[in-house]
Amino acid sequence: MGQIKQKIALEGIRFFARHGFYPEEQKVGNEFMVTIETEMFVVENLNDELSDTVNYERLFEIASQEMKTPSKLLETVAHKILKTILAEFSQLETATVSIRKMNLPVKGEVKNSLVQLTYTR
């Protein structure tokens, strides 16, 4: 019999934060949307405990903590979130962190920008 892979994700977590390359961006702040996706193989003898899975409340706490510290680059923020998740949930096969900046400092209409990092075991 094959293995069962499960996905635990938080989609579109909305944050107001002060990330941005330009000083004005860090001063004024912006709206960001964070998505975290994790995948792992299901434990053979699942016993209905959080220790057998990924706690999405903890994923939210990790993202919230990192979004509070201003950074110039969203790549830096996504990397810190991903590293913390991987340190805490060693059973993960893959993990993806996506951050969207909703209001860009460009002249023109753009829905959002996206930075996405994926870890694969």
Protein backbone atom coordinates (compact mmCIF):
# COMPACT_ATOMS: atom_id res chain seq x y z
CA MET A 1 0.00 0.00 0.00
CA GLY A 2 1.17 3.54 -0.73
CA GLN A 3 1.74 6.39 1.68
CA ILE A 4 -0.80 9.07 2.54
CA LYS A 5 0.40 12.66 2.35
CA GLN A 6 -1.53 15.37 4.16
CA LYS A 7 -1.52 19.11 3.63
CA ILE A 8 -2.04 21.62 6.43
CA ALA A 9 -2.28 25.22 5.25
CA LEU A 10 -3.29 28.72 6.21
CA GLU A 11 -4.39 30.77 3.23
CA GLY A 12 -4.53 34.53 2.99
CA ILE A 13 -3.53 35.58 6.50
CA ARG A 14 -3.94 39.35 6.42
CA PHE A 15 -1.33 41.55 8.12
CA PHE A 16 -0.54 45.24 8.29
CA ALA A 17 3.23 45.53 8.49
CA ARG A 18 6.12 47.90 7.78
CA HIS A 19 8.18 45.92 5.27
CA GLY A 20 9.66 47.61 2.24
CA PHE A 21 12.89 48.67 0.64
CA TYR A 22 12.11 52.38 0.73
CA PRO A 23 12.04 54.29 4.05
CA GLU A 24 8.59 55.63 3.18
CA GLU A 25 7.25 52.06 2.94
CA GLN A 26 8.55 51.24 6.40
CA LYS A 27 7.10 54.47 7.77
CA VAL A 28 3.61 54.20 6.21
CA GLY A 29 3.27 50.41 6.21
CA ASN A 30 1.30 48.20 3.86
CA GLU A 31 -1.15 45.33 3.71
CA PHE A 32 0.27 41.84 3.20
CA MET A 33 -1.29 38.43 2.65
CA VAL A 34 0.64 35.38 3.86
CA THR A 35 -0.07 31.80 2.85
CA ILE A 36 1.66 28.83 4.46
CA GLU A 37 1.37 25.31 3.07
CA THR A 38 2.90 22.25 4.68
CA GLU A 39 2.90 18.60 3.61
CA MET A 40 3.90 15.49 5.48
CA PHE A 41 3.23 11.79 5.37
CA VAL A 42 0.50 10.57 7.70
CA VAL A 43 1.74 8.66 10.73
CA GLU A 44 0.92 4.93 10.53
CA ASN A 45 -0.70 4.73 13.98
CA LEU A 46 -2.45 8.10 14.13
CA ASN A 47 -3.65 8.67 17.70
CA ASP A 48 -5.77 11.83 17.28
CA GLU A 49 -3.15 14.11 18.88
CA LEU A 50 -1.67 17.41 17.68
CA SER A 51 1.80 15.88 17.96
CA ASP A 52 0.89 13.72 14.92
CA THR A 53 0.28 16.71 12.67
CA VAL A 54 1.08 20.39 12.13
CA ASN A 55 -0.67 22.79 14.48
CA TYR A 56 -2.05 25.60 12.31
CA GLU A 57 -2.35 27.86 15.38
CA ARG A 58 1.41 27.62 15.73
CA LEU A 59 1.88 28.40 12.03
CA PHE A 60 -0.15 31.55 12.58
CA GLU A 61 1.94 32.54 15.61
CA ILE A 62 5.19 32.07 13.67
CA ALA A 63 3.97 34.23 10.78
CA SER A 64 2.59 36.88 13.14
CA GLN A 65 5.88 37.16 15.01
CA GLU A 66 7.99 37.57 11.88
CA MET A 67 5.60 40.06 10.28
CA LYS A 68 6.05 42.38 13.29
CA THR A 69 9.75 42.97 12.55
CA PRO A 70 10.27 45.35 9.59
CA SER A 71 12.54 44.11 6.81
CA LYS A 72 13.58 45.65 3.52
CA LEU A 73 12.90 42.48 1.53
CA LEU A 74 9.94 40.13 1.67
CA GLU A 75 12.38 37.36 0.77
CA THR A 76 13.99 37.86 4.18
CA VAL A 77 10.65 37.67 5.99
CA ALA A 78 9.56 34.54 4.08
CA HIS A 79 12.91 32.87 4.78
CA LYS A 80 12.65 33.54 8.53
CA ILE A 81 9.11 32.15 8.63
CA LEU A 82 10.13 29.06 6.66
CA LYS A 83 13.23 28.39 8.81
CA THR A 84 11.19 28.61 12.02
CA ILE A 85 8.51 26.26 10.68
CA LEU A 86 11.12 23.71 9.58
CA ALA A 87 12.88 23.85 12.95
CA GLU A 88 9.63 23.24 14.79
CA PHE A 89 8.07 20.63 12.49
CA SER A 90 10.89 18.29 11.46
CA GLN A 91 8.46 15.75 9.97
CA LEU A 92 7.60 18.02 7.01
CA GLU A 93 8.32 16.84 3.49
CA THR A 94 7.54 20.21 1.91
CA ALA A 95 6.72 23.68 3.17
CA THR A 96 5.87 26.80 1.20
CA VAL A 97 5.61 30.38 2.41
CA SER A 98 4.06 33.00 0.12
CA ILE A 99 3.85 36.70 0.91
CA ARG A 100 1.86 39.13 -1.22
CA LYS A 101 2.30 42.90 -0.96
CA MET A 102 -1.05 44.43 -1.78
CA ASN A 103 -0.17 48.09 -2.50
CA LEU A 104 2.94 48.52 -4.60
CA PRO A 105 5.01 51.69 -4.98
CA VAL A 106 4.74 51.62 -8.79
CA LYS A 107 2.96 53.78 -11.33
CA GLY A 108 0.35 51.50 -12.75
CA GLU A 109 -2.32 49.07 -11.73
CA VAL A 110 -0.93 45.85 -10.23
CA LYS A 111 -2.99 43.44 -8.13
CA ASN A 112 -0.05 42.53 -5.85
CA SER A 113 3.53 41.34 -5.77
CA LEU A 114 4.47 37.83 -4.66
CA VAL A 115 7.47 36.27 -2.97
CA GLN A 116 7.31 32.49 -2.52
CA LEU A 117 9.85 30.11 -0.97
CA THR A 118 9.48 26.32 -1.00
CA TYR A 119 11.43 23.73 0.97
CA THR A 120 11.49 20.14 -0.28
CA ARG A 121 13.09 17.28 1.64
